[in-house]
Amino acid sequence: MKEDNYDDFSIQDELNQQYQKLVNKAETLDDRLEAFGFIADSEVGDTPLIRARNLERELGIRQVYLKFEGGNPTGTQKDRIAFAQAEDALRRGYDTMVLASCGNYGMACALAAKYAGIRCLVFIPENYTIKKISDIEDYGAEIIRVPGDYEHAVMASQKFAVDQDFYDANPGGENTTLQLKAYAQIANELYDELRDAPKVVAVPVSNGTVLTGIYKGFMSLYRRGKTSRIPLMVAGSSARKNPIVSAYLKNKTSCEDLEPYKIRETEINEPLINWHSFDGEATLEAIRKSKGWARDVTDKKMLQLSRILKDKEGLNVLPASTAGLAALAEPSSPELIQNDRLVVILTSRK
């Protein structure tokens, strides 16, 4: 009997086969969900964890590990929640998902919605010049321009989702728990690699959902006896342009909205800035309960670190994603980053 030749059937062939099953509405919902699960498992997560010895020498810190989320299909950790929500929308019978974005999240949701065979509407502030618009549209999503800034775009898209009975994939809504569980997978992957929790996990922060999800992931691992500790959660964001970091530095018990007119967007800080953090309270609590810290980071510092990572480690990262690394390098006490494993979350320029 002739043996099957699996070499003639590539992973891409299998992905294409599963995609065709997904977009075929004649297939049962269970079969379409199984196909989507195959694609998500194959494409999202299990990103590289890299020991950055050259960076260690540059910064004078030992045991720095880079969790490179650029390994996800659109190059950022946003793919994790985008695919989780597209699957949820498919399971619950929605044919359209709606969200606001200034770039990365819109691209991630556009791709996830394409694989799920559902429509995707991305609300973008009308005055924002976003390089990824063509990528978002290439994945089949529709762009809707609205007045105001990102926060106004979120509110407009949330209202539109309610009015039209579409799936709301924005932060801070009823899907927050789903988003946090998706980001908690980063903690599980770190545990799989390190066999315990690292001393520190440093994260670039905008709304704070990534940091909070990782923290909750480690909380679960610790409660189940898998790890000996919970890592110190460290947040970095654009200087004086993020409510979470501002609240931490001013020792406030809760986040307060910043004054929008005082926030100046640049090409470097755009992924980080906001005057309202949708998951800010939970993130501030995670930083404090874990005994971590938060720091303001300048555009100049982020650019410097992105160049170091490119020159010393061969990683082409989004400069804004180095905000966590910059914050890690400024601990409240030097011994916090000595003689232990330190993890930094990074995303690519893709």
C-alpha atoms as a PDB file:
ATOM      1  CA  MET A   1       0.000   0.000   0.000  1.00  0.00           C
ATOM      2  CA  LYS A   2       1.359   3.415  -0.931  1.00  0.00           C
ATOM      3  CA  GLU A   3       2.193   5.598   2.042  1.00  0.00           C
ATOM      4  CA  ASP A   4       0.789   9.110   2.254  1.00  0.00           C
ATOM      5  CA  ASN A   5       3.325  11.727   1.198  1.00  0.00           C
ATOM      6  CA  TYR A   6       2.766  14.584   3.617  1.00  0.00           C
ATOM      7  CA  ASP A   7       5.618  16.544   2.034  1.00  0.00           C
ATOM      8  CA  ASP A   8       3.351  17.121  -0.970  1.00  0.00           C
ATOM      9  CA  PHE A   9       0.742  18.772   1.248  1.00  0.00           C
ATOM     10  CA  SER A  10       2.150  21.934   2.771  1.00  0.00           C
ATOM     11  CA  ILE A  11       0.980  23.831   5.817  1.00  0.00           C
ATOM     12  CA  GLN A  12      -0.176  26.580   3.473  1.00  0.00           C
ATOM     13  CA  ASP A  13      -2.281  24.070   1.544  1.00  0.00           C
ATOM     14  CA  GLU A  14      -3.922  22.981   4.800  1.00  0.00           C
ATOM     15  CA  LEU A  15      -4.525  26.603   5.850  1.00  0.00           C
ATOM     16  CA  ASN A  16      -6.106  27.345   2.476  1.00  0.00           C
ATOM     17  CA  GLN A  17      -8.315  24.271   2.794  1.00  0.00           C
ATOM     18  CA  GLN A  18      -9.488  25.343   6.252  1.00  0.00           C
ATOM     19  CA  TYR A  19     -10.097  28.893   5.008  1.00  0.00           C
ATOM     20  CA  GLN A  20     -12.290  27.632   2.174  1.00  0.00           C
ATOM     21  CA  LYS A  21     -14.297  25.674   4.730  1.00  0.00           C
ATOM     22  CA  LEU A  22     -14.681  28.812   6.831  1.00  0.00           C
ATOM     23  CA  VAL A  23     -16.033  31.035   4.088  1.00  0.00           C
ATOM     24  CA  ASN A  24     -18.422  28.348   2.867  1.00  0.00           C
ATOM     25  CA  LYS A  25     -21.645  29.271   4.639  1.00  0.00           C
ATOM     26  CA  ALA A  26     -23.071  25.861   3.732  1.00  0.00           C
ATOM     27  CA  GLU A  27     -20.719  24.270   6.287  1.00  0.00           C
ATOM     28  CA  THR A  28     -22.069  23.772   9.811  1.00  0.00           C
ATOM     29  CA  LEU A  29     -21.125  26.322  12.456  1.00  0.00           C
ATOM     30  CA  ASP A  30     -19.190  23.648  14.363  1.00  0.00           C
ATOM     31  CA  ASP A  31     -17.133  22.810  11.272  1.00  0.00           C
ATOM     32  CA  ARG A  32     -16.444  26.489  10.570  1.00  0.00           C
ATOM     33  CA  LEU A  33     -15.381  27.065  14.178  1.00  0.00           C
ATOM     34  CA  GLU A  34     -13.104  24.029  14.019  1.00  0.00           C
ATOM     35  CA  ALA A  35     -11.537  25.432  10.846  1.00  0.00           C
ATOM     36  CA  PHE A  36     -11.035  28.823  12.468  1.00  0.00           C
ATOM     37  CA  GLY A  37      -9.466  27.168  15.510  1.00  0.00           C
ATOM     38  CA  PHE A  38      -7.031  25.350  13.222  1.00  0.00           C
ATOM     39  CA  ILE A  39      -5.997  28.636  11.587  1.00  0.00           C
ATOM     40  CA  ALA A  40      -5.680  30.493  14.906  1.00  0.00           C
ATOM     41  CA  ASP A  41      -3.627  27.703  16.487  1.00  0.00           C
ATOM     42  CA  SER A  42      -1.354  27.590  13.447  1.00  0.00           C
ATOM     43  CA  GLU A  43      -0.855  31.331  13.035  1.00  0.00           C
ATOM     44  CA  VAL A  44      -1.192  33.117  16.383  1.00  0.00           C
ATOM     45  CA  GLY A  45       0.895  32.896  19.545  1.00  0.00           C
ATOM     46  CA  ASP A  46       3.891  30.766  20.535  1.00  0.00           C
ATOM     47  CA  THR A  47       6.060  33.740  19.625  1.00  0.00           C
ATOM     48  CA  PRO A  48       9.842  33.600  20.135  1.00  0.00           C
ATOM     49  CA  LEU A  49      11.498  34.229  23.492  1.00  0.00           C
ATOM     50  CA  ILE A  50      15.051  35.403  22.876  1.00  0.00           C
ATOM     51  CA  ARG A  51      17.920  35.821  25.348  1.00  0.00           C
ATOM     52  CA  ALA A  52      19.319  39.259  24.433  1.00  0.00           C
ATOM     53  CA  ARG A  53      22.966  38.970  25.433  1.00  0.00           C
ATOM     54  CA  ASN A  54      24.163  41.859  23.272  1.00  0.00           C
ATOM     55  CA  LEU A  55      21.458  44.097  24.715  1.00  0.00           C
ATOM     56  CA  GLU A  56      22.493  42.987  28.198  1.00  0.00           C
ATOM     57  CA  ARG A  57      26.033  44.174  27.530  1.00  0.00           C
ATOM     58  CA  GLU A  58      24.751  47.472  26.156  1.00  0.00           C
ATOM     59  CA  LEU A  59      22.515  48.189  29.174  1.00  0.00           C
ATOM     60  CA  GLY A  60      24.626  46.554  31.875  1.00  0.00           C
ATOM     61  CA  ILE A  61      21.769  44.217  32.870  1.00  0.00           C
ATOM     62  CA  ARG A  62      21.851  40.418  32.924  1.00  0.00           C
ATOM     63  CA  GLN A  63      19.255  37.850  31.849  1.00  0.00           C
ATOM     64  CA  VAL A  64      17.087  40.002  29.594  1.00  0.00           C
ATOM     65  CA  TYR A  65      14.636  37.985  27.482  1.00  0.00           C
ATOM     66  CA  LEU A  66      12.707  39.485  24.570  1.00  0.00           C
ATOM     67  CA  LYS A  67       9.208  38.133  23.937  1.00  0.00           C
ATOM     68  CA  PHE A  68       8.972  39.037  20.260  1.00  0.00           C
ATOM     69  CA  GLU A  69       5.309  39.420  19.354  1.00  0.00           C
ATOM     70  CA  GLY A  70       6.395  40.283  15.828  1.00  0.00           C
ATOM     71  CA  GLY A  71       6.049  36.552  15.194  1.00  0.00           C
ATOM     72  CA  ASN A  72       2.261  36.980  14.967  1.00  0.00           C
ATOM     73  CA  PRO A  73       0.761  37.310  11.463  1.00  0.00           C
ATOM     74  CA  THR A  74       0.437  41.115  11.432  1.00  0.00           C
ATOM     75  CA  GLY A  75       3.476  41.661  13.655  1.00  0.00           C
ATOM     76  CA  THR A  76       1.942  42.573  17.011  1.00  0.00           C
ATOM     77  CA  GLN A  77       0.268  41.050  20.064  1.00  0.00           C
ATOM     78  CA  LYS A  78      -3.014  42.558  18.808  1.00  0.00           C
ATOM     79  CA  ASP A  79      -3.516  39.417  16.711  1.00  0.00           C
ATOM     80  CA  ARG A  80      -4.173  37.493  19.918  1.00  0.00           C
ATOM     81  CA  ILE A  81      -7.301  39.446  20.835  1.00  0.00           C
ATOM     82  CA  ALA A  82      -8.358  40.023  17.241  1.00  0.00           C
ATOM     83  CA  PHE A  83      -8.547  36.285  16.526  1.00  0.00           C
ATOM     84  CA  ALA A  84     -10.204  35.576  19.890  1.00  0.00           C
ATOM     85  CA  GLN A  85     -12.924  38.116  19.176  1.00  0.00           C
ATOM     86  CA  ALA A  86     -13.450  37.083  15.564  1.00  0.00           C
ATOM     87  CA  GLU A  87     -14.012  33.515  16.801  1.00  0.00           C
ATOM     88  CA  ASP A  88     -16.410  34.794  19.472  1.00  0.00           C
ATOM     89  CA  ALA A  89     -18.317  36.827  16.873  1.00  0.00           C
ATOM     90  CA  LEU A  90     -18.558  33.794  14.600  1.00  0.00           C
ATOM     91  CA  ARG A  91     -19.766  31.555  17.431  1.00  0.00           C
ATOM     92  CA  ARG A  92     -22.429  34.064  18.506  1.00  0.00           C
ATOM     93  CA  GLY A  93     -23.824  34.485  15.009  1.00  0.00           C
ATOM     94  CA  TYR A  94     -22.550  37.967  14.162  1.00  0.00           C
ATOM     95  CA  ASP A  95     -21.716  38.745  10.559  1.00  0.00           C
ATOM     96  CA  THR A  96     -19.937  42.072  11.260  1.00  0.00           C
ATOM     97  CA  MET A  97     -17.367  43.247  13.815  1.00  0.00           C
ATOM     98  CA  VAL A  98     -16.742  46.919  14.573  1.00  0.00           C
ATOM     99  CA  LEU A  99     -13.806  48.653  16.250  1.00  0.00           C
ATOM    100  CA  ALA A 100     -11.744  51.838  16.373  1.00  0.00           C
ATOM    101  CA  SER A 101      -8.043  51.838  15.606  1.00  0.00           C
ATOM    102  CA  CYS A 102      -5.080  53.981  14.705  1.00  0.00           C
ATOM    103  CA  GLY A 103      -3.312  51.169  12.856  1.00  0.00           C
ATOM    104  CA  ASN A 104      -2.121  47.886  14.360  1.00  0.00           C
ATOM    105  CA  TYR A 105      -5.373  46.739  15.945  1.00  0.00           C
ATOM    106  CA  GLY A 106      -7.350  47.556  12.824  1.00  0.00           C
ATOM    107  CA  MET A 107      -4.997  45.471  10.702  1.00  0.00           C
ATOM    108  CA  ALA A 108      -5.157  42.550  13.163  1.00  0.00           C
ATOM    109  CA  CYS A 109      -8.961  42.582  13.271  1.00  0.00           C
ATOM    110  CA  ALA A 110      -9.188  42.942   9.493  1.00  0.00           C
ATOM    111  CA  LEU A 111      -7.131  39.772   9.026  1.00  0.00           C
ATOM    112  CA  ALA A 112      -8.972  37.842  11.748  1.00  0.00           C
ATOM    113  CA  ALA A 113     -12.361  38.832  10.303  1.00  0.00           C
ATOM    114  CA  LYS A 114     -11.237  37.772   6.829  1.00  0.00           C
ATOM    115  CA  TYR A 115     -10.309  34.314   8.129  1.00  0.00           C
ATOM    116  CA  ALA A 116     -13.611  34.114  10.031  1.00  0.00           C
ATOM    117  CA  GLY A 117     -15.554  35.034   6.917  1.00  0.00           C
ATOM    118  CA  ILE A 118     -17.219  38.049   8.533  1.00  0.00           C
ATOM    119  CA  ARG A 119     -17.321  41.756   7.702  1.00  0.00           C
ATOM    120  CA  CYS A 120     -15.016  44.202   9.529  1.00  0.00           C
ATOM    121  CA  LEU A 121     -15.586  47.954   9.959  1.00  0.00           C
ATOM    122  CA  VAL A 122     -12.652  50.029  11.260  1.00  0.00           C
ATOM    123  CA  PHE A 123     -13.359  53.537  12.605  1.00  0.00           C
ATOM    124  CA  ILE A 124     -10.387  55.886  12.226  1.00  0.00           C
ATOM    125  CA  PRO A 125     -10.071  59.565  13.276  1.00  0.00           C
ATOM    126  CA  GLU A 126     -10.514  61.645  10.136  1.00  0.00           C
ATOM    127  CA  ASN A 127      -7.309  63.675  10.595  1.00  0.00           C
ATOM    128  CA  TYR A 128      -5.025  60.695  11.284  1.00  0.00           C
ATOM    129  CA  THR A 129      -2.559  59.739   8.574  1.00  0.00           C
ATOM    130  CA  ILE A 130      -2.171  55.991   8.999  1.00  0.00           C
ATOM    131  CA  LYS A 131       0.295  54.058   6.865  1.00  0.00           C
ATOM    132  CA  LYS A 132      -1.514  50.772   7.467  1.00  0.00           C
ATOM    133  CA  ILE A 133      -4.817  51.834   5.850  1.00  0.00           C
ATOM    134  CA  SER A 134      -3.975  50.092   2.586  1.00  0.00           C
ATOM    135  CA  ASP A 135      -3.080  46.908   4.508  1.00  0.00           C
ATOM    136  CA  ILE A 136      -6.376  47.063   6.413  1.00  0.00           C
ATOM    137  CA  GLU A 137      -8.309  47.457   3.162  1.00  0.00           C
ATOM    138  CA  ASP A 138      -6.278  44.711   1.455  1.00  0.00           C
ATOM    139  CA  TYR A 139      -7.581  42.307   4.109  1.00  0.00           C
ATOM    140  CA  GLY A 140     -11.114  43.275   3.118  1.00  0.00           C
ATOM    141  CA  ALA A 141     -12.074  45.630   5.968  1.00  0.00           C
ATOM    142  CA  GLU A 142     -13.961  48.873   5.416  1.00  0.00           C
ATOM    143  CA  ILE A 143     -12.605  52.204   6.740  1.00  0.00           C
ATOM    144  CA  ILE A 144     -14.995  54.709   8.319  1.00  0.00           C
ATOM    145  CA  ARG A 145     -13.547  58.151   9.044  1.00  0.00           C
ATOM    146  CA  VAL A 146     -14.996  60.037  12.038  1.00  0.00           C
ATOM    147  CA  PRO A 147     -14.321  63.449  13.623  1.00  0.00           C
ATOM    148  CA  GLY A 148     -12.121  63.757  16.706  1.00  0.00           C
ATOM    149  CA  ASP A 149      -9.323  61.629  18.122  1.00  0.00           C
ATOM    150  CA  TYR A 150      -8.958  57.917  18.907  1.00  0.00           C
ATOM    151  CA  GLU A 151     -11.135  58.066  22.016  1.00  0.00           C
ATOM    152  CA  HIS A 152     -13.930  59.706  20.015  1.00  0.00           C
ATOM    153  CA  ALA A 153     -13.553  57.025  17.347  1.00  0.00           C
ATOM    154  CA  VAL A 154     -13.987  54.331  20.011  1.00  0.00           C
ATOM    155  CA  MET A 155     -17.160  55.948  21.313  1.00  0.00           C
ATOM    156  CA  ALA A 156     -18.551  56.402  17.796  1.00  0.00           C
ATOM    157  CA  SER A 157     -17.837  52.778  16.865  1.00  0.00           C
ATOM    158  CA  GLN A 158     -19.322  51.499  20.141  1.00  0.00           C
ATOM    159  CA  LYS A 159     -22.550  53.394  19.493  1.00  0.00           C
ATOM    160  CA  PHE A 160     -22.647  52.196  15.889  1.00  0.00           C
ATOM    161  CA  ALA A 161     -22.210  48.591  17.008  1.00  0.00           C
ATOM    162  CA  VAL A 162     -25.114  48.900  19.455  1.00  0.00           C
ATOM    163  CA  ASP A 163     -27.385  50.670  16.954  1.00  0.00           C
ATOM    164  CA  GLN A 164     -26.725  48.126  14.185  1.00  0.00           C
ATOM    165  CA  ASP A 165     -26.446  45.066  16.454  1.00  0.00           C
ATOM    166  CA  PHE A 166     -22.878  44.399  15.303  1.00  0.00           C
ATOM    167  CA  TYR A 167     -20.071  42.798  17.320  1.00  0.00           C
ATOM    168  CA  ASP A 168     -18.196  45.446  19.350  1.00  0.00           C
ATOM    169  CA  ALA A 169     -14.478  44.598  19.415  1.00  0.00           C
ATOM    170  CA  ASN A 170     -13.368  47.775  21.200  1.00  0.00           C
ATOM    171  CA  PRO A 171     -11.444  47.872  24.506  1.00  0.00           C
ATOM    172  CA  GLY A 172     -13.255  48.566  27.740  1.00  0.00           C
ATOM    173  CA  GLY A 173     -16.497  46.875  26.732  1.00  0.00           C
ATOM    174  CA  GLU A 174     -18.227  43.599  27.501  1.00  0.00           C
ATOM    175  CA  ASN A 175     -15.435  41.684  25.750  1.00  0.00           C
ATOM    176  CA  THR A 176     -12.734  42.836  28.162  1.00  0.00           C
ATOM    177  CA  THR A 177     -12.631  39.442  29.897  1.00  0.00           C
ATOM    178  CA  LEU A 178     -12.141  37.702  26.543  1.00  0.00           C
ATOM    179  CA  GLN A 179      -9.317  40.107  25.650  1.00  0.00           C
ATOM    180  CA  LEU A 180      -7.582  39.583  28.988  1.00  0.00           C
ATOM    181  CA  LYS A 181      -7.751  35.798  28.591  1.00  0.00           C
ATOM    182  CA  ALA A 182      -6.193  36.086  25.138  1.00  0.00           C
ATOM    183  CA  TYR A 183      -3.292  38.135  26.500  1.00  0.00           C
ATOM    184  CA  ALA A 184      -2.967  35.772  29.471  1.00  0.00           C
ATOM    185  CA  GLN A 185      -1.640  33.239  26.957  1.00  0.00           C
ATOM    186  CA  ILE A 186       1.582  35.268  26.896  1.00  0.00           C
ATOM    187  CA  ALA A 187       2.074  34.353  30.572  1.00  0.00           C
ATOM    188  CA  ASN A 188       1.466  30.680  29.771  1.00  0.00           C
ATOM    189  CA  GLU A 189       4.007  30.774  26.950  1.00  0.00           C
ATOM    190  CA  LEU A 190       6.597  32.418  29.204  1.00  0.00           C
ATOM    191  CA  TYR A 191       5.999  29.737  31.814  1.00  0.00           C
ATOM    192  CA  ASP A 192       6.415  27.006  29.187  1.00  0.00           C
ATOM    193  CA  GLU A 193       9.816  28.444  28.239  1.00  0.00           C
ATOM    194  CA  LEU A 194      11.165  29.433  31.662  1.00  0.00           C
ATOM    195  CA  ARG A 195       9.384  26.842  33.860  1.00  0.00           C
ATOM    196  CA  ASP A 196       8.651  29.588  36.373  1.00  0.00           C
ATOM    197  CA  ALA A 197       7.644  33.233  36.384  1.00  0.00           C
ATOM    198  CA  PRO A 198      10.396  35.728  35.556  1.00  0.00           C
ATOM    199  CA  LYS A 199      11.274  38.399  38.112  1.00  0.00           C
ATOM    200  CA  VAL A 200       9.929  41.192  35.878  1.00  0.00           C
ATOM    201  CA  VAL A 201       7.687  41.520  32.820  1.00  0.00           C
ATOM    202  CA  ALA A 202       7.982  44.918  31.121  1.00  0.00           C
ATOM    203  CA  VAL A 203       5.244  46.039  28.731  1.00  0.00           C
ATOM    204  CA  PRO A 204       4.578  49.093  26.534  1.00  0.00           C
ATOM    205  CA  VAL A 205       1.266  50.530  27.707  1.00  0.00           C
ATOM    206  CA  SER A 206      -1.552  52.391  25.973  1.00  0.00           C
ATOM    207  CA  ASN A 207      -4.961  51.217  27.256  1.00  0.00           C
ATOM    208  CA  GLY A 208      -3.188  48.714  29.489  1.00  0.00           C
ATOM    209  CA  THR A 209      -4.999  45.572  28.362  1.00  0.00           C
ATOM    210  CA  VAL A 210      -1.817  43.661  27.466  1.00  0.00           C
ATOM    211  CA  LEU A 211      -0.153  44.241  30.831  1.00  0.00           C
ATOM    212  CA  THR A 212      -3.326  43.384  32.742  1.00  0.00           C
ATOM    213  CA  GLY A 213      -3.881  40.199  30.753  1.00  0.00           C
ATOM    214  CA  ILE A 214      -0.314  38.990  31.355  1.00  0.00           C
ATOM    215  CA  TYR A 215      -0.643  39.781  35.064  1.00  0.00           C
ATOM    216  CA  LYS A 216      -3.891  37.827  35.326  1.00  0.00           C
ATOM    217  CA  GLY A 217      -2.280  34.945  33.469  1.00  0.00           C
ATOM    218  CA  PHE A 218       0.501  34.768  36.031  1.00  0.00           C
ATOM    219  CA  MET A 219      -1.983  35.141  38.871  1.00  0.00           C
ATOM    220  CA  SER A 220      -3.740  32.023  37.591  1.00  0.00           C
ATOM    221  CA  LEU A 221      -0.467  30.108  37.243  1.00  0.00           C
ATOM    222  CA  TYR A 222       0.571  31.086  40.768  1.00  0.00           C
ATOM    223  CA  ARG A 223      -2.775  30.098  42.300  1.00  0.00           C
ATOM    224  CA  ARG A 224      -2.500  26.708  40.602  1.00  0.00           C
ATOM    225  CA  GLY A 225       0.957  26.169  42.068  1.00  0.00           C
ATOM    226  CA  LYS A 226       2.724  26.315  38.712  1.00  0.00           C
ATOM    227  CA  THR A 227       5.000  29.240  39.575  1.00  0.00           C
ATOM    228  CA  SER A 228       6.839  30.254  42.719  1.00  0.00           C
ATOM    229  CA  ARG A 229       5.968  33.933  42.341  1.00  0.00           C
ATOM    230  CA  ILE A 230       4.116  36.618  40.404  1.00  0.00           C
ATOM    231  CA  PRO A 231       6.375  38.861  38.319  1.00  0.00           C
ATOM    232  CA  LEU A 232       6.741  42.558  38.945  1.00  0.00           C
ATOM    233  CA  MET A 233       4.716  44.237  36.198  1.00  0.00           C
ATOM    234  CA  VAL A 234       6.471  47.229  34.635  1.00  0.00           C
ATOM    235  CA  ALA A 235       4.775  49.775  32.359  1.00  0.00           C
ATOM    236  CA  GLY A 236       6.338  52.282  29.996  1.00  0.00           C
ATOM    237  CA  SER A 237       4.520  54.854  27.909  1.00  0.00           C
ATOM    238  CA  SER A 238       4.977  58.176  26.143  1.00  0.00           C
ATOM    239  CA  ALA A 239       6.020  60.895  28.572  1.00  0.00           C
ATOM    240  CA  ARG A 240       3.047  62.709  30.159  1.00  0.00           C
ATOM    241  CA  LYS A 241       0.649  61.275  27.583  1.00  0.00           C
ATOM    242  CA  ASN A 242      -0.780  58.216  29.329  1.00  0.00           C
ATOM    243  CA  PRO A 243      -3.272  58.240  32.249  1.00  0.00           C
ATOM    244  CA  ILE A 244      -2.012  54.978  33.764  1.00  0.00           C
ATOM    245  CA  VAL A 245       1.617  56.037  34.016  1.00  0.00           C
ATOM    246  CA  SER A 246       0.597  59.541  35.140  1.00  0.00           C
ATOM    247  CA  ALA A 247      -1.560  58.113  37.935  1.00  0.00           C
ATOM    248  CA  TYR A 248       1.275  55.842  39.110  1.00  0.00           C
ATOM    249  CA  LEU A 249       3.882  58.609  39.100  1.00  0.00           C
ATOM    250  CA  LYS A 250       1.558  60.987  40.966  1.00  0.00           C
ATOM    251  CA  ASN A 251       0.654  58.230  43.453  1.00  0.00           C
ATOM    252  CA  LYS A 252      -3.044  58.515  42.670  1.00  0.00           C
ATOM    253  CA  THR A 253      -5.485  55.744  43.514  1.00  0.00           C
ATOM    254  CA  SER A 254      -7.218  55.859  40.139  1.00  0.00           C
ATOM    255  CA  CYS A 255      -6.617  57.047  36.594  1.00  0.00           C
ATOM    256  CA  GLU A 256      -7.777  60.488  35.590  1.00  0.00           C
ATOM    257  CA  ASP A 257      -8.379  61.612  32.019  1.00  0.00           C
ATOM    258  CA  LEU A 258      -5.689  63.877  30.631  1.00  0.00           C
ATOM    259  CA  GLU A 259      -6.434  67.112  28.794  1.00  0.00           C
ATOM    260  CA  PRO A 260      -6.629  66.175  25.111  1.00  0.00           C
ATOM    261  CA  TYR A 261      -5.360  69.505  23.789  1.00  0.00           C
ATOM    262  CA  LYS A 262      -2.083  69.064  25.688  1.00  0.00           C
ATOM    263  CA  ILE A 263      -1.262  65.760  24.006  1.00  0.00           C
ATOM    264  CA  ARG A 264       0.893  66.025  20.905  1.00  0.00           C
ATOM    265  CA  GLU A 265       0.988  62.998  18.680  1.00  0.00           C
ATOM    266  CA  THR A 266       4.163  62.035  16.811  1.00  0.00           C
ATOM    267  CA  GLU A 267       4.985  59.191  14.455  1.00  0.00           C
ATOM    268  CA  ILE A 268       6.892  57.560  17.331  1.00  0.00           C
ATOM    269  CA  ASN A 269       4.437  57.909  20.238  1.00  0.00           C
ATOM    270  CA  GLU A 270       1.140  57.416  18.375  1.00  0.00           C
ATOM    271  CA  PRO A 271       0.649  53.742  19.407  1.00  0.00           C
ATOM    272  CA  LEU A 272       0.972  54.720  23.093  1.00  0.00           C
ATOM    273  CA  ILE A 273      -0.798  58.020  23.670  1.00  0.00           C
ATOM    274  CA  ASN A 274      -4.342  58.496  24.887  1.00  0.00           C
ATOM    275  CA  TRP A 275      -6.143  60.849  27.217  1.00  0.00           C
ATOM    276  CA  HIS A 276      -8.423  58.077  28.481  1.00  0.00           C
ATOM    277  CA  SER A 277      -7.304  54.504  29.251  1.00  0.00           C
ATOM    278  CA  PHE A 278     -10.181  52.061  28.806  1.00  0.00           C
ATOM    279  CA  ASP A 279      -8.618  49.387  31.026  1.00  0.00           C
ATOM    280  CA  GLY A 280      -6.620  51.819  33.139  1.00  0.00           C
ATOM    281  CA  GLU A 281      -7.890  50.985  36.613  1.00  0.00           C
ATOM    282  CA  ALA A 282      -7.127  47.275  36.334  1.00  0.00           C
ATOM    283  CA  THR A 283      -3.684  48.030  34.906  1.00  0.00           C
ATOM    284  CA  LEU A 284      -2.801  50.468  37.664  1.00  0.00           C
ATOM    285  CA  GLU A 285      -3.868  47.847  40.208  1.00  0.00           C
ATOM    286  CA  ALA A 286      -1.741  45.176  38.489  1.00  0.00           C
ATOM    287  CA  ILE A 287       1.366  47.376  38.617  1.00  0.00           C
ATOM    288  CA  ARG A 288       0.893  48.205  42.283  1.00  0.00           C
ATOM    289  CA  LYS A 289      -0.182  44.766  43.520  1.00  0.00           C
ATOM    290  CA  SER A 290       2.772  43.128  41.790  1.00  0.00           C
ATOM    291  CA  LYS A 291       5.110  45.759  43.306  1.00  0.00           C
ATOM    292  CA  GLY A 292       6.166  46.854  39.838  1.00  0.00           C
ATOM    293  CA  TRP A 293       6.691  50.364  38.522  1.00  0.00           C
ATOM    294  CA  ALA A 294       5.829  52.690  35.621  1.00  0.00           C
ATOM    295  CA  ARG A 295       7.883  55.263  33.753  1.00  0.00           C
ATOM    296  CA  ASP A 296       7.468  58.054  31.233  1.00  0.00           C
ATOM    297  CA  VAL A 297       9.567  57.511  28.103  1.00  0.00           C
ATOM    298  CA  THR A 298      10.615  60.083  25.509  1.00  0.00           C
ATOM    299  CA  ASP A 299      10.504  59.614  21.743  1.00  0.00           C
ATOM    300  CA  LYS A 300      14.280  60.026  21.700  1.00  0.00           C
ATOM    301  CA  LYS A 301      14.735  57.122  24.116  1.00  0.00           C
ATOM    302  CA  MET A 302      12.393  54.845  22.177  1.00  0.00           C
ATOM    303  CA  LEU A 303      14.213  55.573  18.927  1.00  0.00           C
ATOM    304  CA  GLN A 304      17.566  54.951  20.604  1.00  0.00           C
ATOM    305  CA  LEU A 305      16.470  51.579  21.981  1.00  0.00           C
ATOM    306  CA  SER A 306      14.916  50.479  18.677  1.00  0.00           C
ATOM    307  CA  ARG A 307      18.239  51.219  16.942  1.00  0.00           C
ATOM    308  CA  ILE A 308      20.150  49.272  19.593  1.00  0.00           C
ATOM    309  CA  LEU A 309      17.843  46.288  19.142  1.00  0.00           C
ATOM    310  CA  LYS A 310      18.320  46.418  15.377  1.00  0.00           C
ATOM    311  CA  ASP A 311      22.107  46.817  15.555  1.00  0.00           C
ATOM    312  CA  LYS A 312      22.813  44.468  18.453  1.00  0.00           C
ATOM    313  CA  GLU A 313      20.037  41.847  18.236  1.00  0.00           C
ATOM    314  CA  GLY A 314      18.925  42.037  14.604  1.00  0.00           C
ATOM    315  CA  LEU A 315      15.314  42.868  15.513  1.00  0.00           C
ATOM    316  CA  ASN A 316      13.419  45.496  13.543  1.00  0.00           C
ATOM    317  CA  VAL A 317      10.946  46.626  16.204  1.00  0.00           C
ATOM    318  CA  LEU A 318       8.328  49.329  16.413  1.00  0.00           C
ATOM    319  CA  PRO A 319      10.027  52.129  18.437  1.00  0.00           C
ATOM    320  CA  ALA A 320       6.953  52.556  20.654  1.00  0.00           C
ATOM    321  CA  SER A 321       7.215  48.918  21.709  1.00  0.00           C
ATOM    322  CA  THR A 322      10.521  49.676  23.467  1.00  0.00           C
ATOM    323  CA  ALA A 323       8.718  51.767  26.107  1.00  0.00           C
ATOM    324  CA  GLY A 324       8.574  48.752  28.428  1.00  0.00           C
ATOM    325  CA  LEU A 325      12.306  48.136  27.973  1.00  0.00           C
ATOM    326  CA  ALA A 326      13.026  51.787  28.770  1.00  0.00           C
ATOM    327  CA  ALA A 327      10.943  51.530  31.953  1.00  0.00           C
ATOM    328  CA  LEU A 328      12.700  48.292  32.925  1.00  0.00           C
ATOM    329  CA  ALA A 329      16.048  50.098  32.807  1.00  0.00           C
ATOM    330  CA  GLU A 330      14.796  52.625  35.414  1.00  0.00           C
ATOM    331  CA  PRO A 331      13.805  50.524  38.449  1.00  0.00           C
ATOM    332  CA  SER A 332      12.866  52.070  41.770  1.00  0.00           C
ATOM    333  CA  SER A 333      15.794  50.139  43.250  1.00  0.00           C
ATOM    334  CA  PRO A 334      18.794  48.673  41.333  1.00  0.00           C
ATOM    335  CA  GLU A 335      18.579  45.238  42.968  1.00  0.00           C
ATOM    336  CA  LEU A 336      15.173  44.656  41.377  1.00  0.00           C
ATOM    337  CA  ILE A 337      16.828  43.944  38.007  1.00  0.00           C
ATOM    338  CA  GLN A 338      19.932  42.101  39.165  1.00  0.00           C
ATOM    339  CA  ASN A 339      20.662  38.369  39.019  1.00  0.00           C
ATOM    340  CA  ASP A 340      17.250  37.268  37.811  1.00  0.00           C
ATOM    341  CA  ARG A 341      15.274  36.751  34.612  1.00  0.00           C
ATOM    342  CA  LEU A 342      13.682  39.835  33.069  1.00  0.00           C
ATOM    343  CA  VAL A 343      11.206  39.701  30.178  1.00  0.00           C
ATOM    344  CA  VAL A 344      10.392  42.520  27.776  1.00  0.00           C
ATOM    345  CA  ILE A 345       7.394  42.455  25.405  1.00  0.00           C
ATOM    346  CA  LEU A 346       8.234  43.754  21.893  1.00  0.00           C
ATOM    347  CA  THR A 347       6.405  44.122  18.574  1.00  0.00           C
ATOM    348  CA  SER A 348       7.794  44.467  15.066  1.00  0.00           C
ATOM    349  CA  ARG A 349       7.597  47.247  12.488  1.00  0.00           C
ATOM    350  CA  LYS A 350       5.571  44.960  10.204  1.00  0.00           C
END
